[in-house]
Amino acid sequence: MMDIVYIRDLRIETVIGIYDWEREIKQTVSLDLEMAHDIRLAAASDNIEDTLNYKAVAKRLIAFIGDSEFQLVETMAEQCAAIVREEFKVPWLKLRLSKPGAVRGSRDVGVIIERGMKQ
């Protein structure tokens, strides 16, 4: 059995892209994150210490992405996944990272990655 703690449409300003003009401005990326976590202990105790603190995860990713200057969303996604898995002890996650407006005529483009084993 697996429970999911999630963050949807976390928008962060960062330098991202391969073109010279992209290296000189900040653009918005959007992050969706699903993280495996057994919530039963937290549900029973009603204590924040017993759960995966999505605010702490969000703050960490906001700081990391905001300070980064990646060329590819693939690199950014992979490093974000590693941070969440290692620092927050998440055994499985699904991460969607997109660049709204990156391709004319589309709402957004990006990548979806899944890391770890579902329990």
C-alpha atoms as a PDB file:
ATOM      1  CA  MET A   1       0.000   0.000   0.000  1.00  0.00           C
ATOM      2  CA  MET A   2       1.265   3.453  -0.867  1.00  0.00           C
ATOM      3  CA  ASP A   3      -0.031   6.874   0.155  1.00  0.00           C
ATOM      4  CA  ILE A   4       0.844   9.973  -1.835  1.00  0.00           C
ATOM      5  CA  VAL A   5       1.780  13.406  -0.526  1.00  0.00           C
ATOM      6  CA  TYR A   6       1.710  15.878  -3.395  1.00  0.00           C
ATOM      7  CA  ILE A   7       2.524  19.413  -4.480  1.00  0.00           C
ATOM      8  CA  ARG A   8       0.842  20.745  -7.609  1.00  0.00           C
ATOM      9  CA  ASP A   9       1.821  23.675  -9.832  1.00  0.00           C
ATOM     10  CA  LEU A  10       4.631  25.056  -7.684  1.00  0.00           C
ATOM     11  CA  ARG A  11       5.815  28.018  -9.770  1.00  0.00           C
ATOM     12  CA  ILE A  12       9.406  29.159  -9.443  1.00  0.00           C
ATOM     13  CA  GLU A  13      11.393  31.852 -11.254  1.00  0.00           C
ATOM     14  CA  THR A  14      14.788  30.687 -12.499  1.00  0.00           C
ATOM     15  CA  VAL A  15      17.347  30.874 -15.271  1.00  0.00           C
ATOM     16  CA  ILE A  16      16.635  27.934 -17.600  1.00  0.00           C
ATOM     17  CA  GLY A  17      17.336  27.345 -21.265  1.00  0.00           C
ATOM     18  CA  ILE A  18      19.910  26.888 -23.971  1.00  0.00           C
ATOM     19  CA  TYR A  19      19.586  30.154 -25.869  1.00  0.00           C
ATOM     20  CA  ASP A  20      21.645  33.243 -25.066  1.00  0.00           C
ATOM     21  CA  TRP A  21      18.540  35.331 -24.341  1.00  0.00           C
ATOM     22  CA  GLU A  22      17.318  32.665 -21.876  1.00  0.00           C
ATOM     23  CA  ARG A  23      20.569  32.939 -19.940  1.00  0.00           C
ATOM     24  CA  GLU A  24      19.907  36.639 -19.302  1.00  0.00           C
ATOM     25  CA  ILE A  25      16.365  36.455 -17.877  1.00  0.00           C
ATOM     26  CA  LYS A  26      14.366  34.532 -15.325  1.00  0.00           C
ATOM     27  CA  GLN A  27      11.569  32.296 -16.561  1.00  0.00           C
ATOM     28  CA  THR A  28       8.855  30.458 -14.686  1.00  0.00           C
ATOM     29  CA  VAL A  29       8.976  26.710 -14.290  1.00  0.00           C
ATOM     30  CA  SER A  30       6.096  24.704 -12.863  1.00  0.00           C
ATOM     31  CA  LEU A  31       6.592  21.633 -10.692  1.00  0.00           C
ATOM     32  CA  ASP A  32       4.160  18.860  -9.823  1.00  0.00           C
ATOM     33  CA  LEU A  33       5.400  16.302  -7.342  1.00  0.00           C
ATOM     34  CA  GLU A  34       3.899  13.060  -6.011  1.00  0.00           C
ATOM     35  CA  MET A  35       5.812  11.451  -3.140  1.00  0.00           C
ATOM     36  CA  ALA A  36       5.269   8.076  -1.525  1.00  0.00           C
ATOM     37  CA  HIS A  37       4.754   8.316   2.208  1.00  0.00           C
ATOM     38  CA  ASP A  38       2.813   6.184   4.689  1.00  0.00           C
ATOM     39  CA  ILE A  39       0.510   8.738   6.332  1.00  0.00           C
ATOM     40  CA  ARG A  40      -1.038   6.402   8.939  1.00  0.00           C
ATOM     41  CA  LEU A  41       1.215   7.445  11.833  1.00  0.00           C
ATOM     42  CA  ALA A  42       0.572  11.140  11.166  1.00  0.00           C
ATOM     43  CA  ALA A  43      -3.156  10.493  10.811  1.00  0.00           C
ATOM     44  CA  ALA A  44      -3.193   8.767  14.193  1.00  0.00           C
ATOM     45  CA  SER A  45      -1.005  11.289  16.032  1.00  0.00           C
ATOM     46  CA  ASP A  46      -2.110  14.500  14.259  1.00  0.00           C
ATOM     47  CA  ASN A  47       1.514  15.629  14.630  1.00  0.00           C
ATOM     48  CA  ILE A  48       3.503  17.324  11.846  1.00  0.00           C
ATOM     49  CA  GLU A  49       6.653  15.506  13.015  1.00  0.00           C
ATOM     50  CA  ASP A  50       5.105  12.211  11.887  1.00  0.00           C
ATOM     51  CA  THR A  51       4.510  13.150   8.272  1.00  0.00           C
ATOM     52  CA  LEU A  52       6.310  14.249   5.143  1.00  0.00           C
ATOM     53  CA  ASN A  53       6.269  18.021   5.488  1.00  0.00           C
ATOM     54  CA  TYR A  54       5.292  19.262   2.018  1.00  0.00           C
ATOM     55  CA  LYS A  55       6.031  22.857   3.011  1.00  0.00           C
ATOM     56  CA  ALA A  56       9.623  21.919   3.863  1.00  0.00           C
ATOM     57  CA  VAL A  57       9.942  20.064   0.543  1.00  0.00           C
ATOM     58  CA  ALA A  58       8.533  23.057  -1.357  1.00  0.00           C
ATOM     59  CA  LYS A  59      10.814  25.553   0.404  1.00  0.00           C
ATOM     60  CA  ARG A  60      13.875  23.412  -0.359  1.00  0.00           C
ATOM     61  CA  LEU A  61      12.964  23.106  -4.045  1.00  0.00           C
ATOM     62  CA  ILE A  62      12.108  26.812  -4.339  1.00  0.00           C
ATOM     63  CA  ALA A  63      15.548  27.697  -2.965  1.00  0.00           C
ATOM     64  CA  PHE A  64      17.366  25.150  -5.132  1.00  0.00           C
ATOM     65  CA  ILE A  65      15.577  25.961  -8.401  1.00  0.00           C
ATOM     66  CA  GLY A  66      15.598  29.704  -7.764  1.00  0.00           C
ATOM     67  CA  ASP A  67      19.379  29.684  -7.375  1.00  0.00           C
ATOM     68  CA  SER A  68      20.048  27.316 -10.285  1.00  0.00           C
ATOM     69  CA  GLU A  69      20.991  28.100 -13.877  1.00  0.00           C
ATOM     70  CA  PHE A  70      20.398  24.855 -15.770  1.00  0.00           C
ATOM     71  CA  GLN A  71      20.221  24.631 -19.525  1.00  0.00           C
ATOM     72  CA  LEU A  72      17.853  21.635 -19.632  1.00  0.00           C
ATOM     73  CA  VAL A  73      14.666  20.835 -17.736  1.00  0.00           C
ATOM     74  CA  GLU A  74      15.887  17.217 -17.737  1.00  0.00           C
ATOM     75  CA  THR A  75      18.884  18.132 -15.576  1.00  0.00           C
ATOM     76  CA  MET A  76      16.770  20.250 -13.257  1.00  0.00           C
ATOM     77  CA  ALA A  77      14.180  17.487 -12.848  1.00  0.00           C
ATOM     78  CA  GLU A  78      16.799  14.827 -12.116  1.00  0.00           C
ATOM     79  CA  GLN A  79      18.517  16.942  -9.476  1.00  0.00           C
ATOM     80  CA  CYS A  80      15.210  17.901  -7.831  1.00  0.00           C
ATOM     81  CA  ALA A  81      14.248  14.233  -7.645  1.00  0.00           C
ATOM     82  CA  ALA A  82      17.582  13.388  -6.020  1.00  0.00           C
ATOM     83  CA  ILE A  83      17.133  16.125  -3.405  1.00  0.00           C
ATOM     84  CA  VAL A  84      13.652  14.930  -2.446  1.00  0.00           C
ATOM     85  CA  ARG A  85      14.621  11.260  -2.326  1.00  0.00           C
ATOM     86  CA  GLU A  86      17.831  11.792  -0.358  1.00  0.00           C
ATOM     87  CA  GLU A  87      17.014  14.680   1.967  1.00  0.00           C
ATOM     88  CA  PHE A  88      13.409  13.730   2.730  1.00  0.00           C
ATOM     89  CA  LYS A  89      13.831   9.941   2.589  1.00  0.00           C
ATOM     90  CA  VAL A  90      11.173   9.501  -0.107  1.00  0.00           C
ATOM     91  CA  PRO A  91      11.335   5.957  -1.566  1.00  0.00           C
ATOM     92  CA  TRP A  92       9.343   6.786  -4.732  1.00  0.00           C
ATOM     93  CA  LEU A  93       8.345   9.957  -6.516  1.00  0.00           C
ATOM     94  CA  LYS A  94       6.831  11.185  -9.732  1.00  0.00           C
ATOM     95  CA  LEU A  95       7.931  14.651 -10.791  1.00  0.00           C
ATOM     96  CA  ARG A  96       6.573  16.802 -13.624  1.00  0.00           C
ATOM     97  CA  LEU A  97       8.631  19.853 -14.543  1.00  0.00           C
ATOM     98  CA  SER A  98       7.392  22.215 -17.229  1.00  0.00           C
ATOM     99  CA  LYS A  99       8.251  25.519 -18.877  1.00  0.00           C
ATOM    100  CA  PRO A 100       4.993  27.368 -19.546  1.00  0.00           C
ATOM    101  CA  GLY A 101       5.003  29.157 -22.886  1.00  0.00           C
ATOM    102  CA  ALA A 102       8.275  27.620 -24.107  1.00  0.00           C
ATOM    103  CA  VAL A 103       6.725  26.499 -27.389  1.00  0.00           C
ATOM    104  CA  ARG A 104       4.394  28.827 -29.252  1.00  0.00           C
ATOM    105  CA  GLY A 105       0.886  27.400 -29.374  1.00  0.00           C
ATOM    106  CA  SER A 106       1.322  25.119 -26.351  1.00  0.00           C
ATOM    107  CA  ARG A 107       0.457  25.769 -22.737  1.00  0.00           C
ATOM    108  CA  ASP A 108       3.702  24.196 -21.562  1.00  0.00           C
ATOM    109  CA  VAL A 109       6.393  21.631 -22.330  1.00  0.00           C
ATOM    110  CA  GLY A 110       8.603  19.603 -20.055  1.00  0.00           C
ATOM    111  CA  VAL A 111       9.395  16.202 -18.612  1.00  0.00           C
ATOM    112  CA  ILE A 112       7.786  13.701 -16.281  1.00  0.00           C
ATOM    113  CA  ILE A 113      10.110  11.360 -14.391  1.00  0.00           C
ATOM    114  CA  GLU A 114       9.483   8.590 -11.891  1.00  0.00           C
ATOM    115  CA  ARG A 115      12.239   7.505  -9.516  1.00  0.00           C
ATOM    116  CA  GLY A 116      12.408   4.758  -6.914  1.00  0.00           C
ATOM    117  CA  MET A 117      10.219   1.767  -6.264  1.00  0.00           C
ATOM    118  CA  LYS A 118       6.511   1.841  -5.563  1.00  0.00           C
ATOM    119  CA  GLN A 119       5.772   0.054  -2.341  1.00  0.00           C
END
